[in-house]
Amino acid sequence: MTWVAVRIQPNKENLAQHNLEKQGYKTYCPRIMRRCRHARKVKDVLRPLFPGYLFVWLGSMQAWRPISSTFGVSHLVQFGSRPAEVPQKIIDTFQHREVDGCIPLAPVHERYKGGQDVKIVEGPFENFIARVEQCDAKERIILLLDFMNRSIKLTMPEEKIEQLA
């Protein structure tokens, strides 16, 4: 009996979770609150912590092969011919941190530190690497970008950047 990782088709987490549960599998998809902008409107929405993945509990008598043919599922994550097992301790950690079905994240100023390199993922400087200068009071991040032999100061919302590994 263990948790396994399942790769989901793009933006099909809810569909896959629903169909797996209809088949008798217990699923878990940790979620976070993200601020999204669309058509000049900003709203907070629940999004998966790991987009494109969810976890499925396999009981001692449950077959794992039907998971891959479930609507919304791309494939079961495997190492060789065996499903990739996720330790119970990891799932417990996520579940214990949840508040009202959502894992709270630290404020932006705690997640991004001055001098840290980040990748811009949206806008005219998409795929450029910039350095965090500081975070302002409105939860925006002030970046320094080397562009055409100059340092340019940019202010961006967190949704438009990602941390480098």
C-alpha atoms as a PDB file:
ATOM      1  CA  MET A   1       0.000   0.000   0.000  1.00  0.00           C
ATOM      2  CA  THR A   2       1.569   3.231  -1.155  1.00  0.00           C
ATOM      3  CA  TRP A   3       1.106   6.573  -2.907  1.00  0.00           C
ATOM      4  CA  VAL A   4       2.162   6.835  -6.561  1.00  0.00           C
ATOM      5  CA  ALA A   5       2.673   9.858  -8.824  1.00  0.00           C
ATOM      6  CA  VAL A   6       0.459  10.261 -11.879  1.00  0.00           C
ATOM      7  CA  ARG A   7       1.117  12.590 -14.835  1.00  0.00           C
ATOM      8  CA  ILE A   8      -2.024  14.426 -15.910  1.00  0.00           C
ATOM      9  CA  GLN A   9      -2.981  15.867 -19.290  1.00  0.00           C
ATOM     10  CA  PRO A  10      -2.614  19.673 -19.409  1.00  0.00           C
ATOM     11  CA  ASN A  11      -5.209  21.413 -17.207  1.00  0.00           C
ATOM     12  CA  LYS A  12      -7.111  18.161 -16.574  1.00  0.00           C
ATOM     13  CA  GLU A  13      -6.364  17.698 -12.853  1.00  0.00           C
ATOM     14  CA  ASN A  14     -10.036  17.898 -11.835  1.00  0.00           C
ATOM     15  CA  LEU A  15     -11.201  15.543 -14.612  1.00  0.00           C
ATOM     16  CA  ALA A  16      -8.522  12.969 -13.836  1.00  0.00           C
ATOM     17  CA  GLN A  17      -9.159  13.182 -10.098  1.00  0.00           C
ATOM     18  CA  HIS A  18     -12.918  12.726 -10.596  1.00  0.00           C
ATOM     19  CA  ASN A  19     -12.505   9.740 -12.945  1.00  0.00           C
ATOM     20  CA  LEU A  20      -9.923   8.027 -10.720  1.00  0.00           C
ATOM     21  CA  GLU A  21     -12.178   8.418  -7.683  1.00  0.00           C
ATOM     22  CA  LYS A  22     -15.130   6.962  -9.661  1.00  0.00           C
ATOM     23  CA  GLN A  23     -12.938   3.874 -10.188  1.00  0.00           C
ATOM     24  CA  GLY A  24     -12.362   3.551  -6.442  1.00  0.00           C
ATOM     25  CA  TYR A  25      -8.910   5.129  -6.166  1.00  0.00           C
ATOM     26  CA  LYS A  26      -8.104   7.597  -3.408  1.00  0.00           C
ATOM     27  CA  THR A  27      -6.425  10.702  -4.857  1.00  0.00           C
ATOM     28  CA  TYR A  28      -4.645  13.754  -3.529  1.00  0.00           C
ATOM     29  CA  CYS A  29      -3.801  16.954  -5.377  1.00  0.00           C
ATOM     30  CA  PRO A  30      -2.197  19.577  -3.103  1.00  0.00           C
ATOM     31  CA  ARG A  31      -3.319  23.078  -4.084  1.00  0.00           C
ATOM     32  CA  ILE A  32      -2.167  26.642  -3.513  1.00  0.00           C
ATOM     33  CA  MET A  33      -3.873  29.998  -3.996  1.00  0.00           C
ATOM     34  CA  ARG A  34      -2.487  31.905  -6.990  1.00  0.00           C
ATOM     35  CA  ARG A  35      -3.289  35.414  -8.147  1.00  0.00           C
ATOM     36  CA  CYS A  36      -4.261  35.312 -11.827  1.00  0.00           C
ATOM     37  CA  ARG A  37      -4.783  38.132 -14.289  1.00  0.00           C
ATOM     38  CA  HIS A  38      -7.131  37.734 -17.193  1.00  0.00           C
ATOM     39  CA  ALA A  39      -8.835  40.404 -19.285  1.00  0.00           C
ATOM     40  CA  ARG A  40      -7.552  43.118 -16.930  1.00  0.00           C
ATOM     41  CA  LYS A  41      -9.133  41.403 -13.942  1.00  0.00           C
ATOM     42  CA  VAL A  42      -7.220  39.972 -11.025  1.00  0.00           C
ATOM     43  CA  LYS A  43      -8.567  37.157  -8.890  1.00  0.00           C
ATOM     44  CA  ASP A  44      -7.257  34.491  -6.565  1.00  0.00           C
ATOM     45  CA  VAL A  45      -7.794  30.921  -7.771  1.00  0.00           C
ATOM     46  CA  LEU A  46      -6.883  27.499  -6.444  1.00  0.00           C
ATOM     47  CA  ARG A  47      -4.166  25.886  -8.560  1.00  0.00           C
ATOM     48  CA  PRO A  48      -2.266  22.607  -8.162  1.00  0.00           C
ATOM     49  CA  LEU A  49       1.003  22.886  -6.266  1.00  0.00           C
ATOM     50  CA  PHE A  50       2.480  20.526  -8.878  1.00  0.00           C
ATOM     51  CA  PRO A  51       0.743  21.381 -12.168  1.00  0.00           C
ATOM     52  CA  GLY A  52       0.276  18.289 -14.295  1.00  0.00           C
ATOM     53  CA  TYR A  53       0.596  15.795 -11.422  1.00  0.00           C
ATOM     54  CA  LEU A  54      -1.470  14.243  -8.677  1.00  0.00           C
ATOM     55  CA  PHE A  55      -1.013  11.397  -6.231  1.00  0.00           C
ATOM     56  CA  VAL A  56      -2.992   8.159  -6.121  1.00  0.00           C
ATOM     57  CA  TRP A  57      -3.176   5.775  -3.147  1.00  0.00           C
ATOM     58  CA  LEU A  58      -2.800   2.152  -4.178  1.00  0.00           C
ATOM     59  CA  GLY A  59      -4.318  -0.292  -1.735  1.00  0.00           C
ATOM     60  CA  SER A  60      -2.927  -3.794  -1.397  1.00  0.00           C
ATOM     61  CA  MET A  61      -5.512  -5.283  -3.783  1.00  0.00           C
ATOM     62  CA  GLN A  62      -5.801  -2.430  -6.303  1.00  0.00           C
ATOM     63  CA  ALA A  63      -4.368  -2.814  -9.775  1.00  0.00           C
ATOM     64  CA  TRP A  64      -2.274   0.126 -10.976  1.00  0.00           C
ATOM     65  CA  ARG A  65      -2.372  -0.496 -14.723  1.00  0.00           C
ATOM     66  CA  PRO A  66      -5.922   0.920 -15.287  1.00  0.00           C
ATOM     67  CA  ILE A  67      -4.747   4.316 -14.017  1.00  0.00           C
ATOM     68  CA  SER A  68      -2.941   5.120 -17.285  1.00  0.00           C
ATOM     69  CA  SER A  69      -6.079   4.588 -19.370  1.00  0.00           C
ATOM     70  CA  THR A  70      -8.253   6.888 -17.247  1.00  0.00           C
ATOM     71  CA  PHE A  71      -9.656  10.012 -18.940  1.00  0.00           C
ATOM     72  CA  GLY A  72      -7.512  13.008 -18.003  1.00  0.00           C
ATOM     73  CA  VAL A  73      -4.460  10.906 -17.132  1.00  0.00           C
ATOM     74  CA  SER A  74      -1.419  10.989 -19.389  1.00  0.00           C
ATOM     75  CA  HIS A  75       0.498   8.167 -17.712  1.00  0.00           C
ATOM     76  CA  LEU A  76       1.624   6.722 -14.433  1.00  0.00           C
ATOM     77  CA  VAL A  77       5.095   7.914 -13.448  1.00  0.00           C
ATOM     78  CA  GLN A  78       7.308   4.831 -13.445  1.00  0.00           C
ATOM     79  CA  PHE A  79      10.869   3.779 -12.749  1.00  0.00           C
ATOM     80  CA  GLY A  80      11.445   0.862 -15.064  1.00  0.00           C
ATOM     81  CA  SER A  81       8.335  -1.310 -14.929  1.00  0.00           C
ATOM     82  CA  ARG A  82       7.221  -0.217 -11.430  1.00  0.00           C
ATOM     83  CA  PRO A  83       5.184   2.861 -10.444  1.00  0.00           C
ATOM     84  CA  ALA A  84       7.141   5.679  -8.796  1.00  0.00           C
ATOM     85  CA  GLU A  85       6.277   5.487  -5.107  1.00  0.00           C
ATOM     86  CA  VAL A  86       5.873   8.641  -3.027  1.00  0.00           C
ATOM     87  CA  PRO A  87       6.664   8.236   0.682  1.00  0.00           C
ATOM     88  CA  GLN A  88       3.697   8.628   3.032  1.00  0.00           C
ATOM     89  CA  LYS A  89       5.701  11.193   5.009  1.00  0.00           C
ATOM     90  CA  ILE A  90       5.686  13.608   2.049  1.00  0.00           C
ATOM     91  CA  ILE A  91       1.905  13.348   1.591  1.00  0.00           C
ATOM     92  CA  ASP A  92       1.400  13.775   5.360  1.00  0.00           C
ATOM     93  CA  THR A  93       3.528  16.936   5.316  1.00  0.00           C
ATOM     94  CA  PHE A  94       1.364  18.506   2.590  1.00  0.00           C
ATOM     95  CA  GLN A  95      -1.885  17.450   4.243  1.00  0.00           C
ATOM     96  CA  HIS A  96      -0.852  18.811   7.663  1.00  0.00           C
ATOM     97  CA  ARG A  97       0.024  22.209   6.151  1.00  0.00           C
ATOM     98  CA  GLU A  98      -3.366  22.541   4.407  1.00  0.00           C
ATOM     99  CA  VAL A  99      -5.844  25.141   5.594  1.00  0.00           C
ATOM    100  CA  ASP A 100      -9.317  24.931   4.023  1.00  0.00           C
ATOM    101  CA  GLY A 101      -8.041  22.757   1.151  1.00  0.00           C
ATOM    102  CA  CYS A 102      -5.148  25.079   0.346  1.00  0.00           C
ATOM    103  CA  ILE A 103      -1.465  25.052   1.302  1.00  0.00           C
ATOM    104  CA  PRO A 104      -0.588  28.593   2.375  1.00  0.00           C
ATOM    105  CA  LEU A 105       2.572  30.046   0.856  1.00  0.00           C
ATOM    106  CA  ALA A 106       4.983  32.381   2.562  1.00  0.00           C
ATOM    107  CA  PRO A 107       4.705  36.068   1.545  1.00  0.00           C
ATOM    108  CA  VAL A 108       6.665  37.110  -1.548  1.00  0.00           C
ATOM    109  CA  HIS A 109       9.351  38.897   0.494  1.00  0.00           C
ATOM    110  CA  GLU A 110      10.124  35.577   2.220  1.00  0.00           C
ATOM    111  CA  ARG A 111      10.260  33.544  -1.011  1.00  0.00           C
ATOM    112  CA  TYR A 112      12.446  35.926  -3.028  1.00  0.00           C
ATOM    113  CA  LYS A 113      15.652  37.359  -1.591  1.00  0.00           C
ATOM    114  CA  GLY A 114      17.822  40.178  -2.916  1.00  0.00           C
ATOM    115  CA  GLY A 115      20.543  38.902  -5.243  1.00  0.00           C
ATOM    116  CA  GLN A 116      18.589  35.792  -6.239  1.00  0.00           C
ATOM    117  CA  ASP A 117      18.434  34.985  -9.983  1.00  0.00           C
ATOM    118  CA  VAL A 118      14.987  34.380 -11.484  1.00  0.00           C
ATOM    119  CA  LYS A 119      13.601  33.656 -14.951  1.00  0.00           C
ATOM    120  CA  ILE A 120      10.984  35.930 -16.491  1.00  0.00           C
ATOM    121  CA  VAL A 121       8.209  33.712 -17.892  1.00  0.00           C
ATOM    122  CA  GLU A 122       5.833  36.259 -19.440  1.00  0.00           C
ATOM    123  CA  GLY A 123       6.000  39.560 -21.245  1.00  0.00           C
ATOM    124  CA  PRO A 124       8.527  41.210 -23.569  1.00  0.00           C
ATOM    125  CA  PHE A 125      11.488  39.875 -21.559  1.00  0.00           C
ATOM    126  CA  GLU A 126      10.237  36.282 -21.524  1.00  0.00           C
ATOM    127  CA  ASN A 127      13.043  33.716 -20.900  1.00  0.00           C
ATOM    128  CA  PHE A 128      15.477  36.408 -19.704  1.00  0.00           C
ATOM    129  CA  ILE A 129      17.306  35.876 -16.421  1.00  0.00           C
ATOM    130  CA  ALA A 130      17.127  38.779 -13.962  1.00  0.00           C
ATOM    131  CA  ARG A 131      18.351  39.416 -10.429  1.00  0.00           C
ATOM    132  CA  VAL A 132      15.965  40.235  -7.573  1.00  0.00           C
ATOM    133  CA  GLU A 133      16.705  43.614  -6.040  1.00  0.00           C
ATOM    134  CA  GLN A 134      13.866  43.685  -3.502  1.00  0.00           C
ATOM    135  CA  CYS A 135      10.141  43.133  -2.943  1.00  0.00           C
ATOM    136  CA  ASP A 136       7.847  46.124  -2.515  1.00  0.00           C
ATOM    137  CA  ALA A 137       4.880  46.652  -0.200  1.00  0.00           C
ATOM    138  CA  LYS A 138       2.398  45.596  -2.906  1.00  0.00           C
ATOM    139  CA  GLU A 139       3.913  42.088  -3.174  1.00  0.00           C
ATOM    140  CA  ARG A 140       5.638  42.962  -6.468  1.00  0.00           C
ATOM    141  CA  ILE A 141       9.240  42.071  -7.177  1.00  0.00           C
ATOM    142  CA  ILE A 142      11.787  44.641  -8.297  1.00  0.00           C
ATOM    143  CA  LEU A 143      14.317  43.098 -10.694  1.00  0.00           C
ATOM    144  CA  LEU A 144      17.569  44.182 -12.302  1.00  0.00           C
ATOM    145  CA  LEU A 145      17.946  42.974 -15.868  1.00  0.00           C
ATOM    146  CA  ASP A 146      21.151  43.265 -17.901  1.00  0.00           C
ATOM    147  CA  PHE A 147      19.989  44.385 -21.334  1.00  0.00           C
ATOM    148  CA  MET A 148      22.097  45.963 -24.077  1.00  0.00           C
ATOM    149  CA  ASN A 149      25.029  46.594 -21.712  1.00  0.00           C
ATOM    150  CA  ARG A 150      22.823  48.381 -19.187  1.00  0.00           C
ATOM    151  CA  SER A 151      21.055  47.425 -15.975  1.00  0.00           C
ATOM    152  CA  ILE A 152      17.330  47.995 -16.291  1.00  0.00           C
ATOM    153  CA  LYS A 153      15.064  48.084 -13.241  1.00  0.00           C
ATOM    154  CA  LEU A 154      11.753  46.229 -13.722  1.00  0.00           C
ATOM    155  CA  THR A 155       8.823  45.753 -11.363  1.00  0.00           C
ATOM    156  CA  MET A 156       6.866  42.540 -11.901  1.00  0.00           C
ATOM    157  CA  PRO A 157       4.156  40.531 -10.211  1.00  0.00           C
ATOM    158  CA  GLU A 158       5.197  37.134  -8.931  1.00  0.00           C
ATOM    159  CA  GLU A 159       3.155  35.314 -11.627  1.00  0.00           C
ATOM    160  CA  LYS A 160       5.528  36.542 -14.323  1.00  0.00           C
ATOM    161  CA  ILE A 161       8.706  35.076 -12.837  1.00  0.00           C
ATOM    162  CA  GLU A 162       9.900  31.722 -11.586  1.00  0.00           C
ATOM    163  CA  GLN A 163      12.734  30.682  -9.326  1.00  0.00           C
ATOM    164  CA  LEU A 164      15.751  28.979 -10.823  1.00  0.00           C
ATOM    165  CA  ALA A 165      16.759  25.637  -9.352  1.00  0.00           C
END
